[in-house]
PDB file of N, CA and C in Angstrom:
ATOM      1  N   UNK A   1     116.443  98.941 115.996  1.00  0.00           N
ATOM      2  CA  UNK A   1     115.021  98.867 116.277  1.00  0.00           C
ATOM      3  C   UNK A   1     114.287  98.381 115.027  1.00  0.00           C
ATOM      4  N   UNK A   2     113.286  97.563 115.220  1.00  0.00           N
ATOM      5  CA  UNK A   2     112.510  97.036 114.106  1.00  0.00           C
ATOM      6  C   UNK A   2     111.105  97.612 114.122  1.00  0.00           C
ATOM      7  N   UNK A   3     110.514  97.634 112.952  1.00  0.00           N
ATOM      8  CA  UNK A   3     109.136  98.094 112.809  1.00  0.00           C
ATOM      9  C   UNK A   3     108.335  96.998 112.130  1.00  0.00           C
ATOM     10  N   UNK A   4     107.044  96.979 112.410  1.00  0.00           N
ATOM     11  CA  UNK A   4     106.168  95.983 111.802  1.00  0.00           C
ATOM     12  C   UNK A   4     104.969  96.692 111.200  1.00  0.00           C
ATOM     13  N   UNK A   5     104.545  96.223 110.034  1.00  0.00           N
ATOM     14  CA  UNK A   5     103.382  96.799 109.362  1.00  0.00           C
ATOM     15  C   UNK A   5     102.562  95.656 108.756  1.00  0.00           C
ATOM     16  N   UNK A   6     101.278  95.921 108.590  1.00  0.00           N
ATOM     17  CA  UNK A   6     100.369  94.950 107.988  1.00  0.00           C
ATOM     18  C   UNK A   6      99.732  95.598 106.760  1.00  0.00           C
ATOM     19  N   UNK A   7      99.709  94.836 105.668  1.00  0.00           N
ATOM     20  CA  UNK A   7      99.147  95.306 104.401  1.00  0.00           C
ATOM     21  C   UNK A   7      98.065  94.331 103.943  1.00  0.00           C
ATOM     22  N   UNK A   8      97.062  94.841 103.237  1.00  0.00           N
ATOM     23  CA  UNK A   8      95.964  94.011 102.743  1.00  0.00           C
ATOM     24  C   UNK A   8      95.853  94.089 101.230  1.00  0.00           C
ATOM     25  N   UNK A   9      95.360  92.996 100.670  1.00  0.00           N
ATOM     26  CA  UNK A   9      95.170  92.873  99.223  1.00  0.00           C
ATOM     27  C   UNK A   9      94.126  91.787  99.016  1.00  0.00           C
ATOM     28  N   UNK A  10      93.417  91.843  97.914  1.00  0.00           N
ATOM     29  CA  UNK A  10      92.455  90.789  97.596  1.00  0.00           C
ATOM     30  C   UNK A  10      92.941  89.947  96.426  1.00  0.00           C
ATOM     31  N   UNK A  11      92.548  88.688  96.449  1.00  0.00           N
ATOM     32  CA  UNK A  11      92.735  87.836  95.274  1.00  0.00           C
ATOM     33  C   UNK A  11      91.571  88.097  94.335  1.00  0.00           C
ATOM     34  N   UNK A  12      91.824  87.984  93.052  1.00  0.00           N
ATOM     35  CA  UNK A  12      90.760  88.183  92.058  1.00  0.00           C
ATOM     36  C   UNK A  12      89.657  87.142  92.223  1.00  0.00           C
ATOM     37  N   UNK A  13      90.032  85.946  92.668  1.00  0.00           N
ATOM     38  CA  UNK A  13      89.091  84.845  92.792  1.00  0.00           C
ATOM     39  C   UNK A  13      89.547  83.960  93.949  1.00  0.00           C
ATOM     40  N   UNK A  14      88.692  83.747  94.937  1.00  0.00           N
ATOM     41  CA  UNK A  14      89.057  82.927  96.102  1.00  0.00           C
ATOM     42  C   UNK A  14      89.455  81.512  95.688  1.00  0.00           C
ATOM     43  N   UNK A  15      88.956  81.032  94.555  1.00  0.00           N
ATOM     44  CA  UNK A  15      89.306  79.687  94.076  1.00  0.00           C
ATOM     45  C   UNK A  15      90.777  79.598  93.674  1.00  0.00           C
ATOM     46  N   UNK A  16      91.435  80.739  93.480  1.00  0.00           N
ATOM     47  CA  UNK A  16      92.846  80.752  93.101  1.00  0.00           C
ATOM     48  C   UNK A  16      93.781  80.784  94.310  1.00  0.00           C
ATOM     49  N   UNK A  17      93.225  80.776  95.516  1.00  0.00           N
ATOM     50  CA  UNK A  17      94.036  80.924  96.723  1.00  0.00           C
ATOM     51  C   UNK A  17      95.092  79.829  96.839  1.00  0.00           C
ATOM     52  N   UNK A  18      94.732  78.580  96.547  1.00  0.00           N
ATOM     53  CA  UNK A  18      95.709  77.493  96.676  1.00  0.00           C
ATOM     54  C   UNK A  18      96.811  77.632  95.632  1.00  0.00           C
ATOM     55  N   UNK A  19      96.443  78.006  94.429  1.00  0.00           N
ATOM     56  CA  UNK A  19      97.450  78.201  93.378  1.00  0.00           C
ATOM     57  C   UNK A  19      98.394  79.345  93.758  1.00  0.00           C
ATOM     58  N   UNK A  20      97.837  80.424  94.291  1.00  0.00           N
ATOM     59  CA  UNK A  20      98.647  81.555  94.740  1.00  0.00           C
ATOM     60  C   UNK A  20      99.583  81.111  95.868  1.00  0.00           C
ATOM     61  N   UNK A  21      99.054  80.344  96.816  1.00  0.00           N
ATOM     62  CA  UNK A  21      99.877  79.842  97.920  1.00  0.00           C
ATOM     63  C   UNK A  21     100.994  78.948  97.392  1.00  0.00           C
ATOM     64  N   UNK A  22     100.699  78.129  96.390  1.00  0.00           N
ATOM     65  CA  UNK A  22     101.727  77.256  95.809  1.00  0.00           C
ATOM     66  C   UNK A  22     102.891  78.062  95.233  1.00  0.00           C
ATOM     67  N   UNK A  23     102.599  79.214  94.645  1.00  0.00           N
ATOM     68  CA  UNK A  23     103.659  80.075  94.109  1.00  0.00           C
ATOM     69  C   UNK A  23     104.596  80.550  95.213  1.00  0.00           C
ATOM     70  N   UNK A  24     104.103  80.601  96.438  1.00  0.00           N
ATOM     71  CA  UNK A  24     104.876  81.147  97.554  1.00  0.00           C
ATOM     72  C   UNK A  24     105.528  80.073  98.426  1.00  0.00           C
ATOM     73  N   UNK A  25     105.430  78.810  98.028  1.00  0.00           N
ATOM     74  CA  UNK A  25     106.091  77.732  98.772  1.00  0.00           C
ATOM     75  C   UNK A  25     107.611  77.906  98.707  1.00  0.00           C
ATOM     76  N   UNK A  26     108.320  77.412  99.723  1.00  0.00           N
ATOM     77  CA  UNK A  26     109.791  77.471  99.673  1.00  0.00           C
ATOM     78  C   UNK A  26     110.324  76.839  98.386  1.00  0.00           C
ATOM     79  N   UNK A  27     111.256  77.533  97.764  1.00  0.00           N
ATOM     80  CA  UNK A  27     111.855  77.070  96.520  1.00  0.00           C
ATOM     81  C   UNK A  27     111.175  77.572  95.267  1.00  0.00           C
ATOM     82  N   UNK A  28     109.989  78.146  95.392  1.00  0.00           N
ATOM     83  CA  UNK A  28     109.268  78.640  94.214  1.00  0.00           C
ATOM     84  C   UNK A  28     109.499  80.127  93.962  1.00  0.00           C
ATOM     85  N   UNK A  29     109.733  80.893  95.024  1.00  0.00           N
ATOM     86  CA  UNK A  29     109.981  82.333  94.858  1.00  0.00           C
ATOM     87  C   UNK A  29     111.414  82.486  94.367  1.00  0.00           C
ATOM     88  N   UNK A  30     111.621  83.180  93.243  1.00  0.00           N
ATOM     89  CA  UNK A  30     112.978  83.333  92.711  1.00  0.00           C
ATOM     90  C   UNK A  30     113.935  83.970  93.732  1.00  0.00           C
ATOM     91  N   UNK A  31     115.159  83.453  93.811  1.00  0.00           N
ATOM     92  CA  UNK A  31     116.140  84.008  94.760  1.00  0.00           C
ATOM     93  C   UNK A  31     116.345  85.513  94.592  1.00  0.00           C
ATOM     94  N   UNK A  32     116.288  86.025  93.377  1.00  0.00           N
ATOM     95  CA  UNK A  32     116.478  87.468  93.161  1.00  0.00           C
ATOM     96  C   UNK A  32     115.349  88.272  93.801  1.00  0.00           C
ATOM     97  N   UNK A  33     114.149  87.718  93.824  1.00  0.00           N
ATOM     98  CA  UNK A  33     113.016  88.390  94.472  1.00  0.00           C
ATOM     99  C   UNK A  33     113.266  88.462  95.977  1.00  0.00           C
ATOM    100  N   UNK A  34     113.682  87.353  96.557  1.00  0.00           N
ATOM    101  CA  UNK A  34     113.981  87.331  97.989  1.00  0.00           C
ATOM    102  C   UNK A  34     115.120  88.293  98.321  1.00  0.00           C
ATOM    103  N   UNK A  35     116.109  88.356  97.463  1.00  0.00           N
ATOM    104  CA  UNK A  35     117.237  89.268  97.665  1.00  0.00           C
ATOM    105  C   UNK A  35     116.773  90.722  97.621  1.00  0.00           C
ATOM    106  N   UNK A  36     115.927  91.070  96.648  1.00  0.00           N
ATOM    107  CA  UNK A  36     115.411  92.442  96.558  1.00  0.00           C
ATOM    108  C   UNK A  36     114.631  92.810  97.814  1.00  0.00           C
ATOM    109  N   UNK A  37     113.851  91.865  98.336  1.00  0.00           N
ATOM    110  CA  UNK A  37     113.075  92.117  99.559  1.00  0.00           C
ATOM    111  C   UNK A  37     114.027  92.399 100.719  1.00  0.00           C
ATOM    112  N   UNK A  38     115.025  91.567 100.886  1.00  0.00           N
ATOM    113  CA  UNK A  38     115.970  91.745 101.999  1.00  0.00           C
ATOM    114  C   UNK A  38     116.791  93.019 101.847  1.00  0.00           C
ATOM    115  N   UNK A  39     117.172  93.365 100.618  1.00  0.00           N
ATOM    116  CA  UNK A  39     117.942  94.589 100.372  1.00  0.00           C
ATOM    117  C   UNK A  39     117.148  95.830 100.756  1.00  0.00           C
ATOM    118  N   UNK A  40     115.818  95.743 100.715  1.00  0.00           N
ATOM    119  CA  UNK A  40     114.966  96.872 101.091  1.00  0.00           C
ATOM    120  C   UNK A  40     114.874  97.049 102.608  1.00  0.00           C
ATOM    121  N   UNK A  41     115.590  96.207 103.366  1.00  0.00           N
ATOM    122  CA  UNK A  41     115.562  96.321 104.822  1.00  0.00           C
ATOM    123  C   UNK A  41     114.456  95.496 105.461  1.00  0.00           C
ATOM    124  N   UNK A  42     113.836  94.635 104.686  1.00  0.00           N
ATOM    125  CA  UNK A  42     112.771  93.783 105.205  1.00  0.00           C
ATOM    126  C   UNK A  42     113.419  92.528 105.776  1.00  0.00           C
ATOM    127  N   UNK A  43     113.188  92.293 107.066  1.00  0.00           N
ATOM    128  CA  UNK A  43     113.810  91.153 107.739  1.00  0.00           C
ATOM    129  C   UNK A  43     112.818  90.029 108.012  1.00  0.00           C
ATOM    130  N   UNK A  44     111.550  90.286 107.857  1.00  0.00           N
ATOM    131  CA  UNK A  44     110.529  89.270 108.036  1.00  0.00           C
ATOM    132  C   UNK A  44     109.312  89.606 107.197  1.00  0.00           C
ATOM    133  N   UNK A  45     108.695  88.587 106.609  1.00  0.00           N
ATOM    134  CA  UNK A  45     107.496  88.806 105.808  1.00  0.00           C
ATOM    135  C   UNK A  45     106.670  87.528 105.864  1.00  0.00           C
ATOM    136  N   UNK A  46     105.397  87.689 106.165  1.00  0.00           N
ATOM    137  CA  UNK A  46     104.456  86.575 106.169  1.00  0.00           C
ATOM    138  C   UNK A  46     103.199  87.017 105.434  1.00  0.00           C
ATOM    139  N   UNK A  47     102.601  86.093 104.685  1.00  0.00           N
ATOM    140  CA  UNK A  47     101.332  86.366 104.009  1.00  0.00           C
ATOM    141  C   UNK A  47     100.311  85.353 104.515  1.00  0.00           C
ATOM    142  N   UNK A  48      99.161  85.850 104.926  1.00  0.00           N
ATOM    143  CA  UNK A  48      98.050  85.030 105.398  1.00  0.00           C
ATOM    144  C   UNK A  48      96.879  85.248 104.460  1.00  0.00           C
ATOM    145  N   UNK A  49      95.974  84.258 104.374  1.00  0.00           N
ATOM    146  CA  UNK A  49      94.786  84.475 103.566  1.00  0.00           C
ATOM    147  C   UNK A  49      93.550  83.888 104.223  1.00  0.00           C
ATOM    148  N   UNK A  50      92.425  84.492 103.889  1.00  0.00           N
ATOM    149  CA  UNK A  50      91.109  84.020 104.297  1.00  0.00           C
ATOM    150  C   UNK A  50      90.160  84.396 103.168  1.00  0.00           C
ATOM    151  N   UNK A  51      89.542  83.385 102.553  1.00  0.00           N
ATOM    152  CA  UNK A  51      88.682  83.664 101.403  1.00  0.00           C
ATOM    153  C   UNK A  51      89.513  84.268 100.291  1.00  0.00           C
ATOM    154  N   UNK A  52      89.147  85.466  99.866  1.00  0.00           N
ATOM    155  CA  UNK A  52      89.942  86.129  98.829  1.00  0.00           C
ATOM    156  C   UNK A  52      90.794  87.267  99.386  1.00  0.00           C
ATOM    157  N   UNK A  53      90.843  87.420 100.721  1.00  0.00           N
ATOM    158  CA  UNK A  53      91.623  88.496 101.347  1.00  0.00           C
ATOM    159  C   UNK A  53      92.996  87.976 101.754  1.00  0.00           C
ATOM    160  N   UNK A  54      94.030  88.756 101.432  1.00  0.00           N
ATOM    161  CA  UNK A  54      95.398  88.470 101.845  1.00  0.00           C
ATOM    162  C   UNK A  54      95.828  89.522 102.854  1.00  0.00           C
ATOM    163  N   UNK A  55      96.587  89.100 103.848  1.00  0.00           N
ATOM    164  CA  UNK A  55      97.190  90.010 104.815  1.00  0.00           C
ATOM    165  C   UNK A  55      98.680  89.708 104.851  1.00  0.00           C
ATOM    166  N   UNK A  56      99.491  90.735 104.661  1.00  0.00           N
ATOM    167  CA  UNK A  56     100.936  90.578 104.666  1.00  0.00           C
ATOM    168  C   UNK A  56     101.499  91.334 105.868  1.00  0.00           C
ATOM    169  N   UNK A  57     102.236  90.615 106.710  1.00  0.00           N
ATOM    170  CA  UNK A  57     102.900  91.210 107.868  1.00  0.00           C
ATOM    171  C   UNK A  57     104.367  91.377 107.494  1.00  0.00           C
ATOM    172  N   UNK A  58     104.854  92.602 107.596  1.00  0.00           N
ATOM    173  CA  UNK A  58     106.221  92.935 107.203  1.00  0.00           C
ATOM    174  C   UNK A  58     106.966  93.485 108.414  1.00  0.00           C
ATOM    175  N   UNK A  59     108.120  92.909 108.674  1.00  0.00           N
ATOM    176  CA  UNK A  59     108.983  93.412 109.735  1.00  0.00           C
ATOM    177  C   UNK A  59     110.239  93.961 109.076  1.00  0.00           C
ATOM    178  N   UNK A  60     110.588  95.189 109.430  1.00  0.00           N
ATOM    179  CA  UNK A  60     111.723  95.862 108.792  1.00  0.00           C
ATOM    180  C   UNK A  60     112.731  96.340 109.829  1.00  0.00           C
ATOM    181  N   UNK A  61     113.956  96.552 109.311  1.00  0.00           N
ATOM    182  CA  UNK A  61     114.923  97.302 110.109  1.00  0.00           C
ATOM    183  C   UNK A  61     114.373  98.721 110.193  1.00  0.00           C
ATOM    184  N   UNK A  62     114.948  99.489 111.067  1.00  0.00           N
ATOM    185  CA  UNK A  62     114.490 100.866 111.249  1.00  0.00           C
ATOM    186  C   UNK A  62     114.491 101.646 109.933  1.00  0.00           C
ATOM    187  N   UNK A  63     115.463 101.358 109.073  1.00  0.00           N
ATOM    188  CA  UNK A  63     115.607 102.115 107.823  1.00  0.00           C
ATOM    189  C   UNK A  63     114.918 101.439 106.627  1.00  0.00           C
ATOM    190  N   UNK A  64     114.117 100.419 106.860  1.00  0.00           N
ATOM    191  CA  UNK A  64     113.528  99.692 105.734  1.00  0.00           C
ATOM    192  C   UNK A  64     112.015  99.762 105.713  1.00  0.00           C
ATOM    193  N   UNK A  65     111.450  99.575 104.526  1.00  0.00           N
ATOM    194  CA  UNK A  65     110.007  99.423 104.351  1.00  0.00           C
ATOM    195  C   UNK A  65     109.725  99.039 102.908  1.00  0.00           C
ATOM    196  N   UNK A  66     108.484  98.761 102.593  1.00  0.00           N
ATOM    197  CA  UNK A  66     108.137  98.359 101.226  1.00  0.00           C
ATOM    198  C   UNK A  66     108.477  99.440 100.208  1.00  0.00           C
ATOM    199  N   UNK A  67     108.448 100.700 100.639  1.00  0.00           N
ATOM    200  CA  UNK A  67     108.777 101.791  99.718  1.00  0.00           C
ATOM    201  C   UNK A  67     110.244 101.793  99.329  1.00  0.00           C
ATOM    202  N   UNK A  68     111.086 101.100 100.109  1.00  0.00           N
ATOM    203  CA  UNK A  68     112.516 101.012  99.798  1.00  0.00           C
ATOM    204  C   UNK A  68     112.806  99.917  98.770  1.00  0.00           C
ATOM    205  N   UNK A  69     111.793  99.123  98.433  1.00  0.00           N
ATOM    206  CA  UNK A  69     111.992  98.020  97.496  1.00  0.00           C
ATOM    207  C   UNK A  69     112.284  98.571  96.106  1.00  0.00           C
ATOM    208  N   UNK A  70     113.442  98.224  95.568  1.00  0.00           N
ATOM    209  CA  UNK A  70     113.855  98.617  94.222  1.00  0.00           C
ATOM    210  C   UNK A  70     113.926  97.345  93.389  1.00  0.00           C
ATOM    211  N   UNK A  71     112.803  96.982  92.768  1.00  0.00           N
ATOM    212  CA  UNK A  71     112.741  95.684  92.094  1.00  0.00           C
ATOM    213  C   UNK A  71     113.630  95.596  90.859  1.00  0.00           C
ATOM    214  N   UNK A  72     114.387  94.507  90.817  1.00  0.00           N
ATOM    215  CA  UNK A  72     115.167  94.188  89.629  1.00  0.00           C
ATOM    216  C   UNK A  72     114.273  93.507  88.611  1.00  0.00           C
ATOM    217  N   UNK A  73     114.844  93.081  87.488  1.00  0.00           N
ATOM    218  CA  UNK A  73     114.043  92.473  86.416  1.00  0.00           C
ATOM    219  C   UNK A  73     113.273  91.221  86.855  1.00  0.00           C
ATOM    220  N   UNK A  74     113.892  90.369  87.676  1.00  0.00           N
ATOM    221  CA  UNK A  74     113.188  89.156  88.106  1.00  0.00           C
ATOM    222  C   UNK A  74     112.035  89.488  89.048  1.00  0.00           C
ATOM    223  N   UNK A  75     112.217  90.496  89.879  1.00  0.00           N
ATOM    224  CA  UNK A  75     111.138  90.903  90.780  1.00  0.00           C
ATOM    225  C   UNK A  75     110.001  91.529  89.987  1.00  0.00           C
ATOM    226  N   UNK A  76     110.324  92.322  88.977  1.00  0.00           N
ATOM    227  CA  UNK A  76     109.270  92.901  88.138  1.00  0.00           C
ATOM    228  C   UNK A  76     108.507  91.797  87.401  1.00  0.00           C
ATOM    229  N   UNK A  77     109.202  90.772  86.935  1.00  0.00           N
ATOM    230  CA  UNK A  77     108.546  89.643  86.265  1.00  0.00           C
ATOM    231  C   UNK A  77     107.667  88.878  87.262  1.00  0.00           C
ATOM    232  N   UNK A  78     108.156  88.687  88.492  1.00  0.00           N
ATOM    233  CA  UNK A  78     107.384  88.024  89.532  1.00  0.00           C
ATOM    234  C   UNK A  78     106.105  88.809  89.822  1.00  0.00           C
ATOM    235  N   UNK A  79     106.242  90.126  89.975  1.00  0.00           N
ATOM    236  CA  UNK A  79     105.080  90.974  90.239  1.00  0.00           C
ATOM    237  C   UNK A  79     104.069  90.896  89.094  1.00  0.00           C
ATOM    238  N   UNK A  80     104.555  90.862  87.860  1.00  0.00           N
ATOM    239  CA  UNK A  80     103.647  90.744  86.709  1.00  0.00           C
ATOM    240  C   UNK A  80     102.890  89.417  86.759  1.00  0.00           C
ATOM    241  N   UNK A  81     103.571  88.352  87.147  1.00  0.00           N
ATOM    242  CA  UNK A  81     102.926  87.048  87.299  1.00  0.00           C
ATOM    243  C   UNK A  81     101.874  87.092  88.408  1.00  0.00           C
ATOM    244  N   UNK A  82     102.198  87.710  89.530  1.00  0.00           N
ATOM    245  CA  UNK A  82     101.274  87.775  90.670  1.00  0.00           C
ATOM    246  C   UNK A  82     100.077  88.667  90.375  1.00  0.00           C
ATOM    247  N   UNK A  83     100.244  89.637  89.452  1.00  0.00           N
ATOM    248  CA  UNK A  83      99.131  90.517  89.080  1.00  0.00           C
ATOM    249  C   UNK A  83      97.930  89.729  88.564  1.00  0.00           C
ATOM    250  N   UNK A  84      98.168  88.570  87.990  1.00  0.00           N
ATOM    251  CA  UNK A  84      97.062  87.749  87.490  1.00  0.00           C
ATOM    252  C   UNK A  84      96.174  87.264  88.632  1.00  0.00           C
ATOM    253  N   UNK A  85      96.698  87.217  89.835  1.00  0.00           N
ATOM    254  CA  UNK A  85      95.961  86.730  91.002  1.00  0.00           C
ATOM    255  C   UNK A  85      95.430  87.855  91.886  1.00  0.00           C
ATOM    256  N   UNK A  86      96.105  88.989  91.880  1.00  0.00           N
ATOM    257  CA  UNK A  86      95.853  90.045  92.856  1.00  0.00           C
ATOM    258  C   UNK A  86      94.993  91.168  92.297  1.00  0.00           C
ATOM    259  N   UNK A  87      94.242  91.793  93.211  1.00  0.00           N
ATOM    260  CA  UNK A  87      93.538  93.022  92.874  1.00  0.00           C
ATOM    261  C   UNK A  87      93.526  93.917  94.101  1.00  0.00           C
ATOM    262  N   UNK A  88      93.598  95.220  93.905  1.00  0.00           N
ATOM    263  CA  UNK A  88      93.593  96.137  95.051  1.00  0.00           C
ATOM    264  C   UNK A  88      92.256  96.064  95.791  1.00  0.00           C
ATOM    265  N   UNK A  89      92.272  96.483  97.026  1.00  0.00           N
ATOM    266  CA  UNK A  89      91.029  96.579  97.783  1.00  0.00           C
ATOM    267  C   UNK A  89      90.106  97.585  97.117  1.00  0.00           C
ATOM    268  N   UNK A  90      88.829  97.415  97.304  1.00  0.00           N
ATOM    269  CA  UNK A  90      87.849  98.362  96.776  1.00  0.00           C
ATOM    270  C   UNK A  90      88.164  99.759  97.303  1.00  0.00           C
ATOM    271  N   UNK A  91      88.214 100.737  96.414  1.00  0.00           N
ATOM    272  CA  UNK A  91      88.484 102.118  96.802  1.00  0.00           C
ATOM    273  C   UNK A  91      89.956 102.462  96.958  1.00  0.00           C
ATOM    274  N   UNK A  92      90.844 101.496  96.725  1.00  0.00           N
ATOM    275  CA  UNK A  92      92.288 101.753  96.862  1.00  0.00           C
ATOM    276  C   UNK A  92      92.803 102.520  95.647  1.00  0.00           C
ATOM    277  N   UNK A  93      93.844 103.335  95.833  1.00  0.00           N
ATOM    278  CA  UNK A  93      94.455 103.999  94.679  1.00  0.00           C
ATOM    279  C   UNK A  93      94.940 102.956  93.669  1.00  0.00           C
ATOM    280  N   UNK A  94      94.795 103.240  92.401  1.00  0.00           N
ATOM    281  CA  UNK A  94      95.094 102.279  91.338  1.00  0.00           C
ATOM    282  C   UNK A  94      96.530 101.754  91.381  1.00  0.00           C
ATOM    283  N   UNK A  95      97.490 102.589  91.694  1.00  0.00           N
ATOM    284  CA  UNK A  95      98.902 102.202  91.613  1.00  0.00           C
ATOM    285  C   UNK A  95      99.395 101.475  92.860  1.00  0.00           C
ATOM    286  N   UNK A  96      98.545 101.337  93.893  1.00  0.00           N
ATOM    287  CA  UNK A  96      98.983 100.733  95.152  1.00  0.00           C
ATOM    288  C   UNK A  96      98.204  99.444  95.387  1.00  0.00           C
ATOM    289  N   UNK A  97      98.885  98.296  95.156  1.00  0.00           N
ATOM    290  CA  UNK A  97      98.198  97.014  95.346  1.00  0.00           C
ATOM    291  C   UNK A  97      98.039  96.697  96.825  1.00  0.00           C
ATOM    292  N   UNK A  98      99.148  96.592  97.545  1.00  0.00           N
ATOM    293  CA  UNK A  98      99.104  96.247  98.965  1.00  0.00           C
ATOM    294  C   UNK A  98      98.788  97.512  99.755  1.00  0.00           C
ATOM    295  N   UNK A  99      97.649  97.526 100.432  1.00  0.00           N
ATOM    296  CA  UNK A  99      97.207  98.698 101.190  1.00  0.00           C
ATOM    297  C   UNK A  99      97.675  98.613 102.637  1.00  0.00           C
ATOM    298  N   UNK A 100      98.322  99.670 103.138  1.00  0.00           N
ATOM    299  CA  UNK A 100      98.742  99.662 104.537  1.00  0.00           C
ATOM    300  C   UNK A 100      97.531  99.734 105.460  1.00  0.00           C
ATOM    301  N   UNK A 101      97.684  99.193 106.646  1.00  0.00           N
ATOM    302  CA  UNK A 101      96.627  99.255 107.654  1.00  0.00           C
ATOM    303  C   UNK A 101      97.108 100.121 108.815  1.00  0.00           C
ATOM    304  N   UNK A 102      96.188 100.503 109.663  1.00  0.00           N
ATOM    305  CA  UNK A 102      96.506 101.264 110.869  1.00  0.00           C
ATOM    306  C   UNK A 102      96.230 100.391 112.079  1.00  0.00           C
ATOM    307  N   UNK A 103      97.180 100.329 112.979  1.00  0.00           N
ATOM    308  CA  UNK A 103      97.006  99.570 114.216  1.00  0.00           C
ATOM    309  C   UNK A 103      96.083 100.369 115.144  1.00  0.00           C
ATOM    310  N   UNK A 104      94.981  99.742 115.567  1.00  0.00           N
ATOM    311  CA  UNK A 104      94.051 100.426 116.472  1.00  0.00           C
ATOM    312  C   UNK A 104      94.037  99.803 117.864  1.00  0.00           C
ATOM    313  N   UNK A 105      94.740  98.674 118.039  1.00  0.00           N
ATOM    314  CA  UNK A 105      94.811  98.030 119.341  1.00  0.00           C
ATOM    315  C   UNK A 105      96.135  97.306 119.468  1.00  0.00           C
ATOM    316  N   UNK A 106      96.792  97.500 120.613  1.00  0.00           N
ATOM    317  CA  UNK A 106      98.015  96.782 120.934  1.00  0.00           C
ATOM    318  C   UNK A 106      97.916  96.395 122.405  1.00  0.00           C
ATOM    319  N   UNK A 107      97.901  95.101 122.676  1.00  0.00           N
ATOM    320  CA  UNK A 107      97.744  94.614 124.035  1.00  0.00           C
ATOM    321  C   UNK A 107      98.766  95.232 124.978  1.00  0.00           C
ATOM    322  N   UNK A 108      99.994  95.411 124.523  1.00  0.00           N
ATOM    323  CA  UNK A 108     101.036  95.953 125.403  1.00  0.00           C
ATOM    324  C   UNK A 108     100.739  97.375 125.843  1.00  0.00           C
ATOM    325  N   UNK A 109      99.892  98.099 125.105  1.00  0.00           N
ATOM    326  CA  UNK A 109      99.501  99.446 125.525  1.00  0.00           C
ATOM    327  C   UNK A 109      98.571  99.422 126.742  1.00  0.00           C
ATOM    328  N   UNK A 110      98.044  98.258 127.063  1.00  0.00           N
ATOM    329  CA  UNK A 110      97.061  98.137 128.136  1.00  0.00           C
ATOM    330  C   UNK A 110      97.609  97.439 129.370  1.00  0.00           C
ATOM    331  N   UNK A 111      98.924  97.313 129.430  1.00  0.00           N
ATOM    332  CA  UNK A 111      99.544  96.677 130.592  1.00  0.00           C
ATOM    333  C   UNK A 111      99.760  97.727 131.685  1.00  0.00           C
ATOM    334  N   UNK A 112      99.615  97.286 132.899  1.00  0.00           N
ATOM    335  CA  UNK A 112      99.770  98.222 134.043  1.00  0.00           C
ATOM    336  C   UNK A 112     101.193  98.336 134.462  1.00  0.00           C
TER     337      UNK A 112
END
């Protein structure tokens, strides 16, 4: 069984959105970072943006989630690089960049 979650984060400056997106193009994300993500049980990940807001959709195996991510040295270096672009949502705990969201509507819940 798979689970899906959505997380939010802001960019420090909306003008940096294209540069941030360029970092995430195929071939730019270090293979070790991708490996760490997959080892955490994450089987799908997409990042969307609008203005300075980012939304990350994560699909995991039943036993996986972002909390299972055990970053190696390359992933920690990648995160440090991304910190220059990212900032937590207003009111978010300092140590948590990507804020989880709560699903309040699911079309399939309304099927007869």
